[in-house]
Amino acid sequence: MKFILFVEGYTEDKSLKQFLKKWLDPRLTEPVGIKTVRFEGWPELIKDAPRKAILHLNSPAKKDIIAIISLLDLYGPTFYPTHITGYEERYNWAKKDVEDKVDHPKFFQFFAVHEVEAWLLSDPDIFPDKVKRAFPSKIKCPETVNFDEPPAKLLERLYPLHTGRSYKKVVNGKELFTRLDPNLAYQKCPKLKELLDKMLELAKENE
């Protein structure tokens, strides 16, 4: 049995499968499969998710699919109504909007608040010492690193200042995710907790 994971970019495609399995598998009697489907950014995912979800869920392999989990960064997309500005309101509106468009009980939309890099900030010790020491105090609650300077922007600013090298989302992100303890991220990132709890619930129902 497996999940299909819709993602918007290369960082998620290269990093998230093993990160999610690292948390899920010890809690299951059998390891769960995760197959990532990468889209070219959030606009393509929003546009094509309904069609691609139905293709997967009506395919000959549908009996092996636990669910489709779609994941986007909350920071970046511009399809929110202009009057919705708070992150909780944007999250709830966008989750419902995408799920309503797909309209299938095995499709679930989630958002990383405000980017998947927030999960990395849950453990400052995985970063170079000089970068770690430069982190603002607000990273104690990684999901509050917000629209003003979201996590990837923060890292892109700090890495050149303190290491002399740029932060490369795919290369550095993949390496950092292999070092990140998902249990720590689970404790510090409530929206990640919601995602993992739902995946665990669905996987247990299919054991």
N, C-alpha and C. Protein backbone atom coordinates (compact mmCIF):
# COMPACT_ATOMS: atom_id res chain seq x y z
N MET A 1 0.84 -1.19 0.00
CA MET A 1 0.00 0.00 0.00
C MET A 1 0.88 1.25 0.00
N LYS A 2 0.39 2.30 -0.66
CA LYS A 2 1.24 3.47 -0.77
C LYS A 2 0.41 4.75 -0.83
N PHE A 3 1.08 5.84 -0.49
CA PHE A 3 0.55 7.18 -0.71
C PHE A 3 1.11 7.71 -2.02
N ILE A 4 0.32 8.52 -2.70
CA ILE A 4 0.83 9.34 -3.80
C ILE A 4 0.99 10.74 -3.21
N LEU A 5 2.18 11.29 -3.34
CA LEU A 5 2.48 12.60 -2.76
C LEU A 5 2.69 13.62 -3.87
N PHE A 6 1.75 14.55 -4.03
CA PHE A 6 1.89 15.65 -4.98
C PHE A 6 2.75 16.74 -4.36
N VAL A 7 3.82 17.15 -5.07
CA VAL A 7 4.70 18.20 -4.56
C VAL A 7 4.96 19.22 -5.66
N GLU A 8 5.40 20.41 -5.26
CA GLU A 8 5.51 21.51 -6.22
C GLU A 8 6.92 21.75 -6.73
N GLY A 9 7.94 21.07 -6.20
CA GLY A 9 9.29 21.39 -6.64
C GLY A 9 10.29 20.29 -6.35
N TYR A 10 11.53 20.57 -6.70
CA TYR A 10 12.60 19.58 -6.60
C TYR A 10 13.00 19.28 -5.16
N THR A 11 12.99 20.29 -4.28
CA THR A 11 13.38 20.06 -2.89
C THR A 11 12.47 19.01 -2.27
N GLU A 12 11.16 19.19 -2.44
CA GLU A 12 10.19 18.25 -1.87
C GLU A 12 10.32 16.87 -2.53
N ASP A 13 10.54 16.87 -3.85
CA ASP A 13 10.64 15.62 -4.59
C ASP A 13 11.83 14.80 -4.11
N LYS A 14 12.95 15.46 -3.82
CA LYS A 14 14.17 14.75 -3.45
C LYS A 14 14.24 14.40 -1.96
N SER A 15 13.49 15.12 -1.12
CA SER A 15 13.72 15.04 0.32
C SER A 15 12.60 14.44 1.16
N LEU A 16 11.36 14.61 0.74
CA LEU A 16 10.26 14.38 1.68
C LEU A 16 9.86 12.91 1.84
N LYS A 17 10.04 12.11 0.82
CA LYS A 17 9.63 10.70 0.93
C LYS A 17 10.29 10.04 2.13
N GLN A 18 11.60 10.09 2.21
CA GLN A 18 12.31 9.42 3.30
C GLN A 18 12.06 10.10 4.64
N PHE A 19 11.92 11.42 4.63
CA PHE A 19 11.63 12.15 5.87
C PHE A 19 10.29 11.70 6.46
N LEU A 20 9.25 11.62 5.64
CA LEU A 20 7.93 11.20 6.12
C LEU A 20 7.94 9.74 6.55
N LYS A 21 8.62 8.89 5.79
CA LYS A 21 8.69 7.47 6.14
C LYS A 21 9.45 7.26 7.45
N LYS A 22 10.42 8.09 7.72
CA LYS A 22 11.20 7.96 8.95
C LYS A 22 10.30 8.11 10.19
N TRP A 23 9.25 8.93 10.05
CA TRP A 23 8.31 9.09 11.16
C TRP A 23 7.22 8.02 11.11
N LEU A 24 6.71 7.71 9.92
CA LEU A 24 5.57 6.80 9.80
C LEU A 24 5.92 5.33 10.05
N ASP A 25 6.98 4.85 9.43
CA ASP A 25 7.25 3.41 9.41
C ASP A 25 7.38 2.77 10.80
N PRO A 26 8.07 3.42 11.76
CA PRO A 26 8.16 2.79 13.08
C PRO A 26 6.81 2.63 13.78
N ARG A 27 5.80 3.34 13.32
CA ARG A 27 4.47 3.29 13.94
C ARG A 27 3.52 2.34 13.22
N LEU A 28 4.02 1.65 12.19
CA LEU A 28 3.20 0.75 11.38
C LEU A 28 3.76 -0.67 11.42
N THR A 29 2.91 -1.64 11.18
CA THR A 29 3.39 -3.03 11.18
C THR A 29 4.20 -3.34 9.92
N GLU A 30 3.91 -2.64 8.82
CA GLU A 30 4.66 -2.79 7.57
C GLU A 30 5.06 -1.40 7.07
N PRO A 31 6.25 -1.25 6.46
CA PRO A 31 6.62 0.05 5.90
C PRO A 31 5.61 0.49 4.84
N VAL A 32 5.35 1.77 4.80
CA VAL A 32 4.39 2.30 3.84
C VAL A 32 5.13 2.84 2.61
N GLY A 33 4.53 2.69 1.44
CA GLY A 33 5.12 3.24 0.23
C GLY A 33 4.71 4.70 0.04
N ILE A 34 5.60 5.49 -0.50
CA ILE A 34 5.28 6.87 -0.87
C ILE A 34 5.88 7.12 -2.26
N LYS A 35 5.01 7.48 -3.20
CA LYS A 35 5.47 7.82 -4.55
C LYS A 35 5.23 9.30 -4.77
N THR A 36 6.30 10.07 -5.05
CA THR A 36 6.14 11.50 -5.28
C THR A 36 5.83 11.78 -6.74
N VAL A 37 4.97 12.76 -6.94
CA VAL A 37 4.65 13.28 -8.28
C VAL A 37 4.98 14.76 -8.25
N ARG A 38 6.01 15.16 -9.01
CA ARG A 38 6.45 16.56 -8.97
C ARG A 38 5.75 17.38 -10.04
N PHE A 39 5.30 18.55 -9.64
CA PHE A 39 4.72 19.52 -10.55
C PHE A 39 5.71 20.67 -10.74
N GLU A 40 5.54 21.44 -11.79
CA GLU A 40 6.42 22.58 -12.04
C GLU A 40 5.85 23.81 -11.32
N GLY A 41 6.00 23.81 -10.00
CA GLY A 41 5.54 24.95 -9.21
C GLY A 41 4.07 24.85 -8.82
N TRP A 42 3.66 25.77 -7.94
CA TRP A 42 2.29 25.71 -7.42
C TRP A 42 1.21 25.95 -8.48
N PRO A 43 1.44 26.83 -9.50
CA PRO A 43 0.34 27.04 -10.46
C PRO A 43 -0.05 25.75 -11.20
N GLU A 44 0.97 24.96 -11.58
CA GLU A 44 0.67 23.72 -12.28
C GLU A 44 -0.04 22.73 -11.36
N LEU A 45 0.39 22.66 -10.11
CA LEU A 45 -0.26 21.75 -9.17
C LEU A 45 -1.73 22.12 -8.98
N ILE A 46 -1.99 23.41 -8.76
CA ILE A 46 -3.37 23.86 -8.57
C ILE A 46 -4.22 23.55 -9.80
N LYS A 47 -3.64 23.78 -10.98
CA LYS A 47 -4.39 23.59 -12.23
C LYS A 47 -4.62 22.11 -12.54
N ASP A 48 -3.60 21.29 -12.33
CA ASP A 48 -3.65 19.90 -12.80
C ASP A 48 -4.00 18.87 -11.73
N ALA A 49 -4.01 19.27 -10.46
CA ALA A 49 -4.28 18.30 -9.39
C ALA A 49 -5.59 17.54 -9.59
N PRO A 50 -6.70 18.22 -9.94
CA PRO A 50 -7.95 17.46 -10.11
C PRO A 50 -7.83 16.36 -11.16
N ARG A 51 -7.24 16.69 -12.31
CA ARG A 51 -7.12 15.70 -13.39
C ARG A 51 -6.18 14.57 -13.02
N LYS A 52 -5.01 14.92 -12.47
CA LYS A 52 -4.02 13.88 -12.15
C LYS A 52 -4.47 13.01 -10.98
N ALA A 53 -5.17 13.61 -10.02
CA ALA A 53 -5.66 12.82 -8.89
C ALA A 53 -6.64 11.75 -9.37
N ILE A 54 -7.56 12.15 -10.23
CA ILE A 54 -8.55 11.20 -10.73
C ILE A 54 -7.90 10.12 -11.59
N LEU A 55 -6.89 10.50 -12.39
CA LEU A 55 -6.16 9.51 -13.18
C LEU A 55 -5.56 8.42 -12.29
N HIS A 56 -4.92 8.85 -11.19
CA HIS A 56 -4.33 7.88 -10.26
C HIS A 56 -5.40 7.05 -9.57
N LEU A 57 -6.46 7.70 -9.11
CA LEU A 57 -7.45 7.01 -8.30
C LEU A 57 -8.40 6.14 -9.12
N ASN A 58 -8.35 6.30 -10.44
CA ASN A 58 -9.13 5.42 -11.32
C ASN A 58 -8.26 4.45 -12.10
N SER A 59 -6.97 4.43 -11.81
CA SER A 59 -6.04 3.57 -12.55
C SER A 59 -6.15 2.12 -12.08
N PRO A 60 -5.58 1.18 -12.82
CA PRO A 60 -5.60 -0.23 -12.38
C PRO A 60 -4.94 -0.43 -11.01
N ALA A 61 -4.04 0.48 -10.62
CA ALA A 61 -3.34 0.35 -9.34
C ALA A 61 -4.09 1.01 -8.18
N LYS A 62 -5.32 1.43 -8.43
CA LYS A 62 -6.03 2.21 -7.41
C LYS A 62 -6.22 1.47 -6.09
N LYS A 63 -6.33 0.14 -6.17
CA LYS A 63 -6.54 -0.63 -4.94
C LYS A 63 -5.33 -0.58 -4.01
N ASP A 64 -4.16 -0.20 -4.56
CA ASP A 64 -2.94 -0.12 -3.75
C ASP A 64 -2.69 1.29 -3.21
N ILE A 65 -3.55 2.24 -3.58
CA ILE A 65 -3.34 3.63 -3.15
C ILE A 65 -4.14 3.90 -1.87
N ILE A 66 -3.42 4.27 -0.82
CA ILE A 66 -4.07 4.64 0.44
C ILE A 66 -4.81 5.96 0.26
N ALA A 67 -4.09 6.93 -0.28
CA ALA A 67 -4.65 8.27 -0.50
C ALA A 67 -3.65 9.08 -1.30
N ILE A 68 -4.13 10.18 -1.86
CA ILE A 68 -3.25 11.18 -2.46
C ILE A 68 -3.11 12.32 -1.48
N ILE A 69 -1.87 12.63 -1.13
CA ILE A 69 -1.55 13.75 -0.25
C ILE A 69 -0.91 14.83 -1.12
N SER A 70 -1.52 15.99 -1.17
CA SER A 70 -0.97 17.10 -1.94
C SER A 70 -0.38 18.11 -0.96
N LEU A 71 0.86 18.53 -1.22
CA LEU A 71 1.55 19.44 -0.31
C LEU A 71 2.07 20.66 -1.05
N LEU A 72 1.71 21.82 -0.57
CA LEU A 72 2.21 23.09 -1.09
C LEU A 72 2.78 23.92 0.05
N ASP A 73 3.69 24.83 -0.28
CA ASP A 73 4.08 25.87 0.68
C ASP A 73 2.94 26.87 0.79
N LEU A 74 2.69 27.34 2.00
CA LEU A 74 1.68 28.39 2.15
C LEU A 74 2.20 29.71 1.58
N TYR A 75 3.52 29.93 1.70
CA TYR A 75 4.15 31.12 1.12
C TYR A 75 4.42 30.87 -0.36
N GLY A 76 4.03 31.81 -1.20
CA GLY A 76 4.29 31.67 -2.63
C GLY A 76 3.04 31.76 -3.47
N PRO A 77 2.07 30.86 -3.26
CA PRO A 77 0.85 30.93 -4.06
C PRO A 77 0.13 32.27 -3.93
N THR A 78 -0.52 32.66 -5.02
CA THR A 78 -1.21 33.96 -5.04
C THR A 78 -2.70 33.79 -5.36
N PHE A 79 -3.23 32.59 -5.17
CA PHE A 79 -4.63 32.36 -5.51
C PHE A 79 -5.59 32.64 -4.35
N TYR A 80 -5.04 33.09 -3.20
CA TYR A 80 -5.91 33.43 -2.08
C TYR A 80 -6.71 34.70 -2.38
N PRO A 81 -7.95 34.79 -1.92
CA PRO A 81 -8.67 36.06 -2.02
C PRO A 81 -7.91 37.16 -1.29
N THR A 82 -7.94 38.38 -1.81
CA THR A 82 -7.12 39.46 -1.26
C THR A 82 -7.50 39.82 0.17
N HIS A 83 -8.74 39.56 0.57
CA HIS A 83 -9.16 39.93 1.93
C HIS A 83 -8.72 38.90 2.98
N ILE A 84 -8.17 37.77 2.52
CA ILE A 84 -7.69 36.75 3.47
C ILE A 84 -6.19 36.90 3.61
N THR A 85 -5.73 37.39 4.76
CA THR A 85 -4.31 37.69 4.93
C THR A 85 -3.64 36.88 6.04
N GLY A 86 -4.38 36.44 7.05
CA GLY A 86 -3.78 35.66 8.13
C GLY A 86 -3.44 34.26 7.67
N TYR A 87 -2.38 33.68 8.24
CA TYR A 87 -1.95 32.38 7.73
C TYR A 87 -2.96 31.27 8.03
N GLU A 88 -3.63 31.33 9.17
CA GLU A 88 -4.60 30.29 9.50
C GLU A 88 -5.80 30.36 8.54
N GLU A 89 -6.25 31.59 8.27
CA GLU A 89 -7.38 31.75 7.34
C GLU A 89 -6.98 31.31 5.93
N ARG A 90 -5.78 31.69 5.51
CA ARG A 90 -5.32 31.26 4.18
C ARG A 90 -5.22 29.74 4.10
N TYR A 91 -4.69 29.14 5.14
CA TYR A 91 -4.55 27.68 5.17
C TYR A 91 -5.92 27.01 5.01
N ASN A 92 -6.87 27.42 5.83
CA ASN A 92 -8.19 26.78 5.83
C ASN A 92 -8.93 27.01 4.51
N TRP A 93 -8.83 28.26 3.98
CA TRP A 93 -9.52 28.56 2.73
C TRP A 93 -8.93 27.74 1.58
N ALA A 94 -7.59 27.73 1.49
CA ALA A 94 -6.93 27.07 0.36
C ALA A 94 -7.09 25.55 0.42
N LYS A 95 -7.02 24.98 1.61
CA LYS A 95 -7.21 23.53 1.76
C LYS A 95 -8.59 23.13 1.25
N LYS A 96 -9.61 23.87 1.65
CA LYS A 96 -10.97 23.57 1.22
C LYS A 96 -11.14 23.79 -0.28
N ASP A 97 -10.55 24.88 -0.79
CA ASP A 97 -10.68 25.20 -2.21
C ASP A 97 -10.12 24.07 -3.08
N VAL A 98 -8.93 23.59 -2.77
CA VAL A 98 -8.31 22.54 -3.60
C VAL A 98 -9.06 21.22 -3.43
N GLU A 99 -9.39 20.87 -2.20
CA GLU A 99 -10.09 19.60 -1.98
C GLU A 99 -11.47 19.61 -2.65
N ASP A 100 -12.15 20.74 -2.63
CA ASP A 100 -13.45 20.83 -3.30
C ASP A 100 -13.31 20.64 -4.81
N LYS A 101 -12.22 21.18 -5.39
CA LYS A 101 -12.02 21.05 -6.83
C LYS A 101 -11.73 19.61 -7.23
N VAL A 102 -10.97 18.90 -6.41
CA VAL A 102 -10.67 17.50 -6.71
C VAL A 102 -11.89 16.62 -6.41
N ASP A 103 -12.52 16.88 -5.27
CA ASP A 103 -13.79 16.23 -4.91
C ASP A 103 -13.68 14.70 -4.92
N HIS A 104 -12.73 14.19 -4.14
CA HIS A 104 -12.59 12.75 -3.99
C HIS A 104 -12.22 12.44 -2.54
N PRO A 105 -12.85 11.44 -1.93
CA PRO A 105 -12.58 11.17 -0.50
C PRO A 105 -11.17 10.70 -0.19
N LYS A 106 -10.42 10.32 -1.22
CA LYS A 106 -9.03 9.88 -0.99
C LYS A 106 -8.01 10.96 -1.32
N PHE A 107 -8.47 12.19 -1.49
CA PHE A 107 -7.55 13.30 -1.78
C PHE A 107 -7.54 14.27 -0.60
N PHE A 108 -6.32 14.62 -0.15
CA PHE A 108 -6.16 15.51 0.98
C PHE A 108 -5.11 16.57 0.66
N GLN A 109 -5.47 17.84 0.83
CA GLN A 109 -4.55 18.94 0.59
C GLN A 109 -3.97 19.44 1.91
N PHE A 110 -2.65 19.61 1.94
CA PHE A 110 -1.98 20.18 3.11
C PHE A 110 -1.03 21.28 2.64
N PHE A 111 -0.67 22.14 3.59
CA PHE A 111 0.27 23.22 3.32
C PHE A 111 1.36 23.22 4.38
N ALA A 112 2.61 23.43 3.93
CA ALA A 112 3.71 23.67 4.86
C ALA A 112 3.65 25.15 5.25
N VAL A 113 3.65 25.40 6.54
CA VAL A 113 3.57 26.78 7.05
C VAL A 113 4.95 27.20 7.56
N HIS A 114 5.56 28.18 6.87
CA HIS A 114 5.09 28.83 5.66
C HIS A 114 5.76 28.19 4.44
N GLU A 115 6.80 27.36 4.70
CA GLU A 115 7.49 26.59 3.67
C GLU A 115 8.01 25.31 4.34
N VAL A 116 8.36 24.30 3.52
CA VAL A 116 8.89 23.07 4.13
C VAL A 116 10.19 23.34 4.88
N GLU A 117 10.90 24.41 4.52
CA GLU A 117 12.13 24.75 5.25
C GLU A 117 11.86 25.07 6.71
N ALA A 118 10.61 25.43 7.05
CA ALA A 118 10.27 25.66 8.47
C ALA A 118 10.52 24.40 9.28
N TRP A 119 10.28 23.25 8.67
CA TRP A 119 10.51 22.00 9.40
C TRP A 119 11.99 21.85 9.75
N LEU A 120 12.86 22.29 8.85
CA LEU A 120 14.30 22.23 9.11
C LEU A 120 14.69 23.11 10.31
N LEU A 121 14.02 24.26 10.43
CA LEU A 121 14.35 25.18 11.52
C LEU A 121 14.00 24.62 12.89
N SER A 122 13.23 23.53 12.92
CA SER A 122 12.88 22.94 14.22
C SER A 122 14.10 22.35 14.92
N ASP A 123 15.19 22.12 14.19
CA ASP A 123 16.42 21.62 14.81
C ASP A 123 17.61 22.45 14.34
N PRO A 124 17.91 23.55 15.03
CA PRO A 124 19.02 24.41 14.62
C PRO A 124 20.37 23.68 14.57
N ASP A 125 20.50 22.56 15.32
CA ASP A 125 21.78 21.86 15.39
C ASP A 125 22.18 21.19 14.08
N ILE A 126 21.26 21.07 13.13
CA ILE A 126 21.64 20.45 11.84
C ILE A 126 22.32 21.45 10.91
N PHE A 127 22.31 22.74 11.29
CA PHE A 127 22.90 23.79 10.46
C PHE A 127 24.33 24.09 10.87
N PRO A 128 25.13 24.70 9.97
CA PRO A 128 26.47 25.15 10.36
C PRO A 128 26.40 26.07 11.58
N ASP A 129 27.40 25.99 12.45
CA ASP A 129 27.38 26.72 13.72
C ASP A 129 27.14 28.22 13.55
N LYS A 130 27.80 28.82 12.57
CA LYS A 130 27.67 30.27 12.39
C LYS A 130 26.27 30.65 11.95
N VAL A 131 25.64 29.80 11.15
CA VAL A 131 24.25 30.05 10.74
C VAL A 131 23.33 29.87 11.93
N LYS A 132 23.55 28.81 12.68
CA LYS A 132 22.72 28.52 13.85
C LYS A 132 22.73 29.68 14.84
N ARG A 133 23.91 30.25 15.06
CA ARG A 133 24.02 31.35 16.04
C ARG A 133 23.34 32.62 15.55
N ALA A 134 23.12 32.73 14.25
CA ALA A 134 22.51 33.94 13.68
C ALA A 134 20.99 33.85 13.59
N PHE A 135 20.43 32.68 13.90
CA PHE A 135 18.98 32.53 13.79
C PHE A 135 18.26 33.48 14.76
N PRO A 136 17.15 34.09 14.33
CA PRO A 136 16.35 34.91 15.23
C PRO A 136 15.63 34.03 16.25
N SER A 137 15.25 34.63 17.37
CA SER A 137 14.63 33.86 18.45
C SER A 137 13.30 33.23 18.03
N LYS A 138 12.64 33.81 17.02
CA LYS A 138 11.32 33.31 16.62
C LYS A 138 11.37 31.91 16.04
N ILE A 139 12.55 31.38 15.69
CA ILE A 139 12.58 30.03 15.13
C ILE A 139 12.26 28.97 16.17
N LYS A 140 12.16 29.36 17.45
CA LYS A 140 11.70 28.39 18.45
C LYS A 140 10.32 27.86 18.08
N CYS A 141 9.54 28.66 17.37
CA CYS A 141 8.25 28.24 16.82
C CYS A 141 8.35 28.37 15.31
N PRO A 142 8.90 27.36 14.62
CA PRO A 142 9.27 27.52 13.20
C PRO A 142 8.14 27.98 12.28
N GLU A 143 6.91 27.60 12.59
CA GLU A 143 5.81 27.97 11.70
C GLU A 143 5.42 29.44 11.83
N THR A 144 6.04 30.16 12.78
CA THR A 144 5.79 31.61 12.88
C THR A 144 6.79 32.41 12.06
N VAL A 145 7.77 31.73 11.43
CA VAL A 145 8.70 32.42 10.53
C VAL A 145 7.89 32.68 9.26
N ASN A 146 7.48 33.94 9.06
CA ASN A 146 6.27 34.20 8.29
C ASN A 146 6.49 34.75 6.90
N PHE A 147 5.43 35.39 6.36
CA PHE A 147 5.44 35.90 4.99
C PHE A 147 6.48 37.02 4.80
N ASP A 148 6.87 37.72 5.88
CA ASP A 148 7.82 38.83 5.74
C ASP A 148 9.21 38.34 5.32
N GLU A 149 9.67 37.31 6.01
CA GLU A 149 10.92 36.65 5.63
C GLU A 149 10.74 35.15 5.90
N PRO A 150 10.12 34.44 4.97
CA PRO A 150 9.86 33.02 5.19
C PRO A 150 11.16 32.22 5.29
N PRO A 151 11.07 30.96 5.73
CA PRO A 151 12.28 30.21 6.08
C PRO A 151 13.34 30.14 5.00
N ALA A 152 12.97 29.86 3.74
CA ALA A 152 13.99 29.75 2.70
C ALA A 152 14.68 31.09 2.47
N LYS A 153 13.93 32.18 2.54
CA LYS A 153 14.53 33.51 2.39
C LYS A 153 15.50 33.79 3.53
N LEU A 154 15.12 33.38 4.74
CA LEU A 154 16.00 33.54 5.90
C LEU A 154 17.31 32.80 5.67
N LEU A 155 17.23 31.57 5.20
CA LEU A 155 18.44 30.78 4.96
C LEU A 155 19.26 31.36 3.81
N GLU A 156 18.57 31.85 2.78
CA GLU A 156 19.28 32.46 1.64
C GLU A 156 20.00 33.73 2.06
N ARG A 157 19.54 34.40 3.08
CA ARG A 157 20.21 35.61 3.59
C ARG A 157 21.38 35.24 4.51
N LEU A 158 21.17 34.23 5.37
CA LEU A 158 22.17 33.92 6.39
C LEU A 158 23.36 33.12 5.86
N TYR A 159 23.13 32.22 4.93
CA TYR A 159 24.22 31.37 4.45
C TYR A 159 25.38 32.19 3.85
N PRO A 160 25.13 33.11 2.91
CA PRO A 160 26.26 33.89 2.37
C PRO A 160 26.94 34.75 3.44
N LEU A 161 26.16 35.29 4.36
CA LEU A 161 26.72 36.15 5.40
C LEU A 161 27.66 35.39 6.33
N HIS A 162 27.32 34.15 6.64
CA HIS A 162 28.03 33.43 7.70
C HIS A 162 28.82 32.21 7.24
N THR A 163 28.63 31.80 5.98
CA THR A 163 29.43 30.67 5.48
C THR A 163 30.20 31.03 4.22
N GLY A 164 29.84 32.16 3.60
CA GLY A 164 30.47 32.54 2.35
C GLY A 164 29.94 31.76 1.15
N ARG A 165 28.93 30.94 1.38
CA ARG A 165 28.33 30.16 0.30
C ARG A 165 26.83 30.43 0.24
N SER A 166 26.25 30.29 -0.93
CA SER A 166 24.81 30.49 -1.05
C SER A 166 24.08 29.26 -0.52
N TYR A 167 22.82 29.47 -0.13
CA TYR A 167 21.97 28.35 0.28
C TYR A 167 21.27 27.81 -0.96
N LYS A 168 21.51 26.54 -1.25
CA LYS A 168 20.90 25.90 -2.42
C LYS A 168 19.76 25.01 -1.93
N LYS A 169 18.53 25.41 -2.30
CA LYS A 169 17.35 24.74 -1.76
C LYS A 169 17.38 23.22 -1.97
N VAL A 170 17.76 22.78 -3.17
CA VAL A 170 17.70 21.35 -3.47
C VAL A 170 18.86 20.61 -2.81
N VAL A 171 20.09 21.10 -3.02
CA VAL A 171 21.28 20.40 -2.51
C VAL A 171 21.34 20.47 -0.99
N ASN A 172 21.29 21.68 -0.44
CA ASN A 172 21.36 21.83 1.02
C ASN A 172 20.11 21.27 1.69
N GLY A 173 18.95 21.53 1.07
CA GLY A 173 17.70 21.04 1.65
C GLY A 173 17.69 19.52 1.79
N LYS A 174 18.12 18.82 0.75
CA LYS A 174 18.14 17.35 0.80
C LYS A 174 19.07 16.87 1.91
N GLU A 175 20.25 17.48 2.00
CA GLU A 175 21.23 17.06 3.03
C GLU A 175 20.70 17.33 4.43
N LEU A 176 20.06 18.48 4.62
CA LEU A 176 19.54 18.83 5.94
C LEU A 176 18.36 17.93 6.33
N PHE A 177 17.52 17.59 5.36
CA PHE A 177 16.39 16.71 5.67
C PHE A 177 16.85 15.32 6.08
N THR A 178 17.96 14.84 5.55
CA THR A 178 18.45 13.52 5.96
C THR A 178 18.91 13.56 7.42
N ARG A 179 19.30 14.73 7.92
CA ARG A 179 19.78 14.86 9.30
C ARG A 179 18.68 15.22 10.29
N LEU A 180 17.56 15.69 9.78
CA LEU A 180 16.48 16.17 10.64
C LEU A 180 15.72 15.02 11.30
N ASP A 181 15.54 15.11 12.60
CA ASP A 181 14.71 14.14 13.33
C ASP A 181 13.25 14.54 13.16
N PRO A 182 12.43 13.73 12.47
CA PRO A 182 11.03 14.11 12.25
C PRO A 182 10.23 14.23 13.54
N ASN A 183 10.66 13.54 14.59
CA ASN A 183 9.95 13.64 15.87
C ASN A 183 10.07 15.04 16.45
N LEU A 184 11.23 15.66 16.26
CA LEU A 184 11.44 17.02 16.74
C LEU A 184 10.59 18.00 15.94
N ALA A 185 10.59 17.84 14.62
CA ALA A 185 9.77 18.70 13.76
C ALA A 185 8.29 18.52 14.08
N TYR A 186 7.88 17.30 14.35
CA TYR A 186 6.49 16.99 14.71
C TYR A 186 6.06 17.75 15.96
N GLN A 187 6.97 17.82 16.93
CA GLN A 187 6.66 18.50 18.19
C GLN A 187 6.55 20.01 18.02
N LYS A 188 7.33 20.58 17.11
CA LYS A 188 7.43 22.04 17.01
C LYS A 188 6.58 22.65 15.91
N CYS A 189 6.06 21.83 14.99
CA CYS A 189 5.33 22.35 13.82
C CYS A 189 3.93 21.76 13.79
N PRO A 190 2.93 22.48 14.33
CA PRO A 190 1.57 21.92 14.43
C PRO A 190 0.96 21.50 13.10
N LYS A 191 1.23 22.22 12.02
CA LYS A 191 0.64 21.84 10.73
C LYS A 191 1.32 20.60 10.15
N LEU A 192 2.60 20.42 10.41
CA LEU A 192 3.26 19.17 10.04
C LEU A 192 2.67 18.02 10.85
N LYS A 193 2.40 18.26 12.13
CA LYS A 193 1.77 17.25 12.98
C LYS A 193 0.43 16.82 12.40
N GLU A 194 -0.38 17.78 11.93
CA GLU A 194 -1.67 17.44 11.31
C GLU A 194 -1.48 16.53 10.10
N LEU A 195 -0.48 16.85 9.27
CA LEU A 195 -0.20 16.05 8.09
C LEU A 195 0.20 14.62 8.47
N LEU A 196 1.15 14.49 9.39
CA LEU A 196 1.64 13.17 9.77
C LEU A 196 0.56 12.36 10.50
N ASP A 197 -0.21 13.01 11.35
CA ASP A 197 -1.29 12.30 12.05
C ASP A 197 -2.31 11.74 11.06
N LYS A 198 -2.66 12.53 10.05
CA LYS A 198 -3.63 12.07 9.04
C LYS A 198 -3.04 10.91 8.23
N MET A 199 -1.78 11.01 7.83
CA MET A 199 -1.16 9.92 7.07
C MET A 199 -1.10 8.65 7.91
N LEU A 200 -0.78 8.77 9.18
CA LEU A 200 -0.73 7.60 10.06
C LEU A 200 -2.12 6.98 10.22
N GLU A 201 -3.11 7.82 10.42
CA GLU A 201 -4.49 7.34 10.55
C GLU A 201 -4.92 6.57 9.30
N LEU A 202 -4.64 7.14 8.13
CA LEU A 202 -5.02 6.50 6.86
C LEU A 202 -4.26 5.20 6.64
N ALA A 203 -2.96 5.21 6.97
CA ALA A 203 -2.15 4.01 6.77
C ALA A 203 -2.61 2.88 7.68
N LYS A 204 -2.95 3.20 8.94
CA LYS A 204 -3.42 2.17 9.87
C LYS A 204 -4.76 1.58 9.42
N GLU A 205 -5.61 2.41 8.82
CA GLU A 205 -6.89 1.91 8.31
C GLU A 205 -6.69 0.90 7.18
N ASN A 206 -5.52 0.95 6.53
CA ASN A 206 -5.26 0.09 5.38
C ASN A 206 -4.28 -1.04 5.69
N GLU A 207 -3.96 -1.22 6.96
CA GLU A 207 -3.04 -2.30 7.32
C GLU A 207 -3.75 -3.65 7.22
